[in-house]
């Protein structure tokens, strides 16, 4: 730390105050010089444990999947504003990434994202999609066709449960709107977590699940 001039006949108490002020200013300068970054939890909210998920699964009504008739992604308004210039997508990118830096429009300009679906690591936000764990079309076929527009928007932007997660874009596109009977993450070690997340979302929103879906979820929970 720079040496502070003591003055000619200054009392020691003033010297001590000047040292404290100098240190404070130096620390403040360092803090201001460091770009704002995020090393947040790097994951969605933790889903219920396997035992709770099994209970939730048993409480989800079993029913044949409904029709796609009338479905449109626009009926699930998504990437709503969270705060300031930040929408849901940018909020999840920051939450799920490491050392994420954002510009004035809240767009992620740098960072690292590890996709749990396939264990791939990306350094460009363009290579990352925000997956709806329970896809919007799947939700529509499982009861969301009867919801209000506000409830569908809440579902599509919900940050309080494990419904949104940053993953490799190509893997997300392969998943599409498939349920666990038709698609599971390539990394088998993630099946337990994925099933817990899926069950948590469907149980929270009172959605239905067909027989094959419930069987696949039960099998995945058996790996926990």
Protein backbone atom coordinates (compact mmCIF):
# COMPACT_ATOMS: atom_id res chain seq x y z
CA UNK A 1 0.00 0.00 0.00
CA UNK A 2 1.35 3.48 -0.83
CA UNK A 3 3.07 5.22 2.09
CA UNK A 4 0.96 8.05 3.42
CA UNK A 5 2.62 11.37 4.24
CA UNK A 6 2.31 12.08 7.90
CA UNK A 7 2.37 15.85 7.83
CA UNK A 8 4.54 17.93 10.17
CA UNK A 9 2.81 17.85 13.52
CA UNK A 10 -0.30 15.82 12.80
CA UNK A 11 -1.59 13.82 15.68
CA UNK A 12 -1.37 10.04 15.34
CA UNK A 13 -5.13 9.64 15.37
CA UNK A 14 -5.38 11.56 12.08
CA UNK A 15 -2.62 9.46 10.57
CA UNK A 16 -4.53 6.31 11.45
CA UNK A 17 -7.70 7.71 9.91
CA UNK A 18 -5.87 8.56 6.71
CA UNK A 19 -4.50 5.01 6.50
CA UNK A 20 -8.00 3.56 6.92
CA UNK A 21 -9.37 5.88 4.26
CA UNK A 22 -6.56 5.00 1.86
CA UNK A 23 -7.12 1.28 2.30
CA UNK A 24 -10.86 1.71 1.85
CA UNK A 25 -10.36 3.70 -1.33
CA UNK A 26 -7.90 1.16 -2.70
CA UNK A 27 -10.26 -1.74 -2.02
CA UNK A 28 -13.18 0.17 -3.55
CA UNK A 29 -11.11 0.87 -6.64
CA UNK A 30 -10.29 -2.81 -7.03
CA UNK A 31 -13.92 -3.80 -6.66
CA UNK A 32 -15.04 -1.24 -9.21
CA UNK A 33 -12.42 -2.41 -11.66
CA UNK A 34 -13.59 -6.03 -11.61
CA UNK A 35 -16.38 -6.81 -14.12
CA UNK A 36 -19.59 -8.16 -12.66
CA UNK A 37 -19.65 -11.91 -13.11
CA UNK A 38 -21.70 -14.84 -11.90
CA UNK A 39 -20.51 -18.04 -10.29
CA UNK A 40 -24.03 -18.83 -9.16
CA UNK A 41 -25.40 -22.25 -8.33
CA UNK A 42 -24.79 -23.32 -11.98
CA UNK A 43 -27.92 -25.49 -11.90
CA UNK A 44 -31.69 -25.27 -11.61
CA UNK A 45 -33.30 -25.49 -8.15
CA UNK A 46 -32.62 -28.89 -6.58
CA UNK A 47 -35.55 -31.25 -7.18
CA UNK A 48 -37.08 -33.39 -4.43
CA UNK A 49 -35.18 -36.51 -3.41
CA UNK A 50 -36.01 -39.84 -5.04
CA UNK A 51 -38.36 -40.99 -2.30
CA UNK A 52 -40.40 -37.79 -2.50
CA UNK A 53 -40.35 -37.97 -6.29
CA UNK A 54 -41.75 -41.50 -6.18
CA UNK A 55 -44.57 -40.26 -3.96
CA UNK A 56 -45.24 -37.38 -6.34
CA UNK A 57 -45.23 -39.79 -9.29
CA UNK A 58 -47.86 -41.96 -7.62
CA UNK A 59 -50.01 -38.86 -7.12
CA UNK A 60 -49.82 -37.76 -10.77
CA UNK A 61 -53.02 -38.79 -12.52
CA UNK A 62 -52.46 -41.41 -15.19
CA UNK A 63 -54.26 -40.56 -18.41
CA UNK A 64 -53.78 -40.98 -22.11
CA UNK A 65 -51.94 -38.11 -23.72
CA UNK A 66 -54.20 -35.43 -25.11
CA UNK A 67 -54.27 -33.94 -28.59
CA UNK A 68 -51.98 -31.34 -30.12
CA UNK A 69 -55.06 -29.64 -31.53
CA UNK A 70 -54.87 -25.91 -30.93
CA UNK A 71 -51.29 -25.99 -29.69
CA UNK A 72 -49.01 -23.06 -30.46
CA UNK A 73 -45.79 -22.05 -28.68
CA UNK A 74 -47.09 -18.51 -28.64
CA UNK A 75 -49.77 -19.67 -26.21
CA UNK A 76 -46.92 -20.08 -23.70
CA UNK A 77 -45.38 -16.58 -23.68
CA UNK A 78 -41.76 -17.21 -22.75
CA UNK A 79 -38.56 -15.37 -22.08
CA UNK A 80 -40.52 -12.82 -20.11
CA UNK A 81 -38.76 -9.90 -18.43
CA UNK A 82 -37.33 -10.84 -15.04
CA UNK A 83 -35.61 -7.60 -14.04
CA UNK A 84 -34.43 -4.57 -15.99
CA UNK A 85 -33.20 -5.68 -19.41
CA UNK A 86 -32.90 -9.33 -18.33
CA UNK A 87 -35.40 -11.89 -19.56
CA UNK A 88 -35.81 -15.49 -18.45
CA UNK A 89 -33.35 -16.89 -21.00
CA UNK A 90 -30.54 -14.54 -19.98
CA UNK A 91 -31.30 -15.12 -16.31
CA UNK A 92 -30.93 -18.89 -16.73
CA UNK A 93 -27.75 -18.49 -18.78
CA UNK A 94 -26.26 -16.48 -15.93
CA UNK A 95 -27.53 -18.88 -13.26
CA UNK A 96 -26.38 -22.07 -14.96
CA UNK A 97 -23.05 -20.78 -16.25
CA UNK A 98 -19.73 -19.97 -14.65
CA UNK A 99 -17.99 -16.58 -14.80
CA UNK A 100 -20.79 -15.23 -17.00
CA UNK A 101 -20.40 -11.64 -18.13
CA UNK A 102 -23.30 -9.70 -19.62
CA UNK A 103 -23.52 -6.51 -21.64
CA UNK A 104 -25.85 -3.58 -20.99
CA UNK A 105 -28.73 -5.41 -22.67
CA UNK A 106 -28.17 -8.42 -20.35
CA UNK A 107 -26.93 -10.64 -23.18
CA UNK A 108 -24.24 -13.11 -22.12
CA UNK A 109 -20.98 -12.09 -23.79
CA UNK A 110 -18.72 -14.71 -22.23
CA UNK A 111 -18.76 -17.57 -19.76
CA UNK A 112 -18.71 -21.35 -19.57
CA UNK A 113 -21.69 -23.68 -19.65
CA UNK A 114 -21.60 -27.39 -18.81
CA UNK A 115 -24.55 -29.29 -20.24
CA UNK A 116 -25.60 -32.08 -17.84
CA UNK A 117 -27.54 -33.87 -20.57
CA UNK A 118 -24.40 -34.75 -22.54
CA UNK A 119 -21.46 -33.55 -20.40
CA UNK A 120 -20.42 -31.06 -23.08
CA UNK A 121 -18.83 -27.72 -22.18
CA UNK A 122 -19.45 -24.55 -24.18
CA UNK A 123 -17.94 -21.10 -24.10
CA UNK A 124 -20.45 -19.37 -26.39
CA UNK A 125 -24.03 -18.71 -25.34
CA UNK A 126 -25.14 -19.35 -28.93
CA UNK A 127 -24.31 -23.05 -28.43
CA UNK A 128 -26.66 -23.29 -25.46
CA UNK A 129 -30.45 -23.65 -25.39
CA UNK A 130 -32.69 -23.16 -22.40
CA UNK A 131 -34.65 -26.40 -22.22
CA UNK A 132 -38.15 -26.59 -20.81
CA UNK A 133 -37.74 -29.85 -18.90
CA UNK A 134 -41.40 -30.61 -19.49
CA UNK A 135 -41.74 -29.33 -23.07
CA UNK A 136 -44.47 -26.85 -23.86
CA UNK A 137 -46.23 -29.18 -26.31
CA UNK A 138 -46.05 -32.02 -23.78
CA UNK A 139 -47.58 -29.73 -21.17
CA UNK A 140 -50.36 -28.84 -23.62
CA UNK A 141 -51.18 -32.54 -24.10
CA UNK A 142 -51.05 -33.10 -20.33
CA UNK A 143 -53.56 -30.48 -19.26
CA UNK A 144 -52.15 -27.06 -20.14
CA UNK A 145 -54.64 -26.71 -22.99
CA UNK A 146 -57.18 -25.91 -20.26
CA UNK A 147 -55.03 -23.34 -18.45
CA UNK A 148 -55.29 -19.59 -18.63
CA UNK A 149 -52.74 -17.66 -20.65
CA UNK A 150 -51.26 -16.29 -17.42
CA UNK A 151 -50.73 -19.78 -16.01
CA UNK A 152 -49.08 -20.93 -19.22
CA UNK A 153 -46.75 -17.93 -19.13
CA UNK A 154 -45.85 -18.66 -15.51
CA UNK A 155 -45.11 -22.28 -16.42
CA UNK A 156 -42.91 -21.31 -19.37
CA UNK A 157 -40.82 -18.93 -17.26
CA UNK A 158 -40.80 -20.63 -13.86
CA UNK A 159 -37.46 -20.19 -12.09
CA UNK A 160 -38.68 -21.53 -8.73
CA UNK A 161 -38.77 -25.19 -9.77
CA UNK A 162 -36.51 -27.25 -12.03
CA UNK A 163 -38.34 -26.47 -15.27
CA UNK A 164 -35.60 -24.49 -17.06
CA UNK A 165 -32.01 -25.60 -17.65
CA UNK A 166 -29.16 -24.58 -19.95
CA UNK A 167 -28.08 -27.46 -22.20
CA UNK A 168 -26.39 -28.15 -25.54
CA UNK A 169 -28.60 -26.75 -28.29
CA UNK A 170 -28.41 -29.83 -30.55
CA UNK A 171 -29.33 -32.15 -27.70
CA UNK A 172 -32.30 -29.98 -26.82
CA UNK A 173 -33.43 -30.10 -30.45
CA UNK A 174 -33.13 -33.89 -30.46
CA UNK A 175 -35.34 -34.01 -27.38
CA UNK A 176 -38.01 -31.84 -28.98
CA UNK A 177 -41.32 -32.37 -27.19
CA UNK A 178 -40.70 -36.00 -26.23
CA UNK A 179 -41.54 -37.39 -22.80
CA UNK A 180 -39.25 -39.76 -20.83
CA UNK A 181 -40.73 -42.84 -22.49
CA UNK A 182 -39.43 -41.48 -25.80
CA UNK A 183 -36.26 -39.62 -24.77
CA UNK A 184 -33.86 -39.43 -21.86
CA UNK A 185 -30.58 -37.50 -21.57
CA UNK A 186 -27.62 -39.24 -23.28
CA UNK A 187 -25.76 -39.28 -19.94
CA UNK A 188 -27.38 -42.19 -18.11
CA UNK A 189 -26.02 -40.97 -14.79
CA UNK A 190 -28.31 -37.94 -15.10
CA UNK A 191 -31.51 -39.98 -15.51
CA UNK A 192 -32.28 -39.93 -11.79
CA UNK A 193 -32.02 -36.14 -11.59
CA UNK A 194 -33.95 -35.67 -14.82
CA UNK A 195 -36.80 -37.89 -13.60
CA UNK A 196 -36.93 -36.03 -10.28
CA UNK A 197 -37.10 -32.72 -12.13
CA UNK A 198 -39.80 -33.94 -14.53
CA UNK A 199 -41.98 -35.36 -11.76
CA UNK A 200 -41.58 -32.20 -9.67
CA UNK A 201 -42.80 -30.01 -12.55
CA UNK A 202 -45.75 -32.19 -13.50
CA UNK A 203 -46.83 -32.65 -9.89
CA UNK A 204 -46.56 -28.90 -9.18
CA UNK A 205 -48.83 -28.05 -12.09
CA UNK A 206 -51.26 -30.94 -11.69
CA UNK A 207 -50.49 -32.36 -15.13
CA UNK A 208 -51.27 -35.91 -16.19
CA UNK A 209 -48.87 -38.62 -17.39
CA UNK A 210 -49.56 -41.59 -19.62
CA UNK A 211 -48.75 -45.17 -18.69
CA UNK A 212 -45.50 -45.46 -20.68
CA UNK A 213 -44.28 -42.13 -19.30
CA UNK A 214 -44.94 -43.16 -15.70
CA UNK A 215 -43.18 -46.48 -16.28
CA UNK A 216 -40.10 -44.76 -17.72
CA UNK A 217 -40.02 -42.30 -14.83
CA UNK A 218 -40.32 -45.11 -12.29
CA UNK A 219 -37.44 -46.95 -13.96
CA UNK A 220 -35.29 -43.79 -13.93
CA UNK A 221 -36.05 -43.14 -10.27
CA UNK A 222 -34.93 -46.71 -9.59
CA UNK A 223 -31.40 -45.67 -10.61
CA UNK A 224 -31.17 -43.07 -7.83
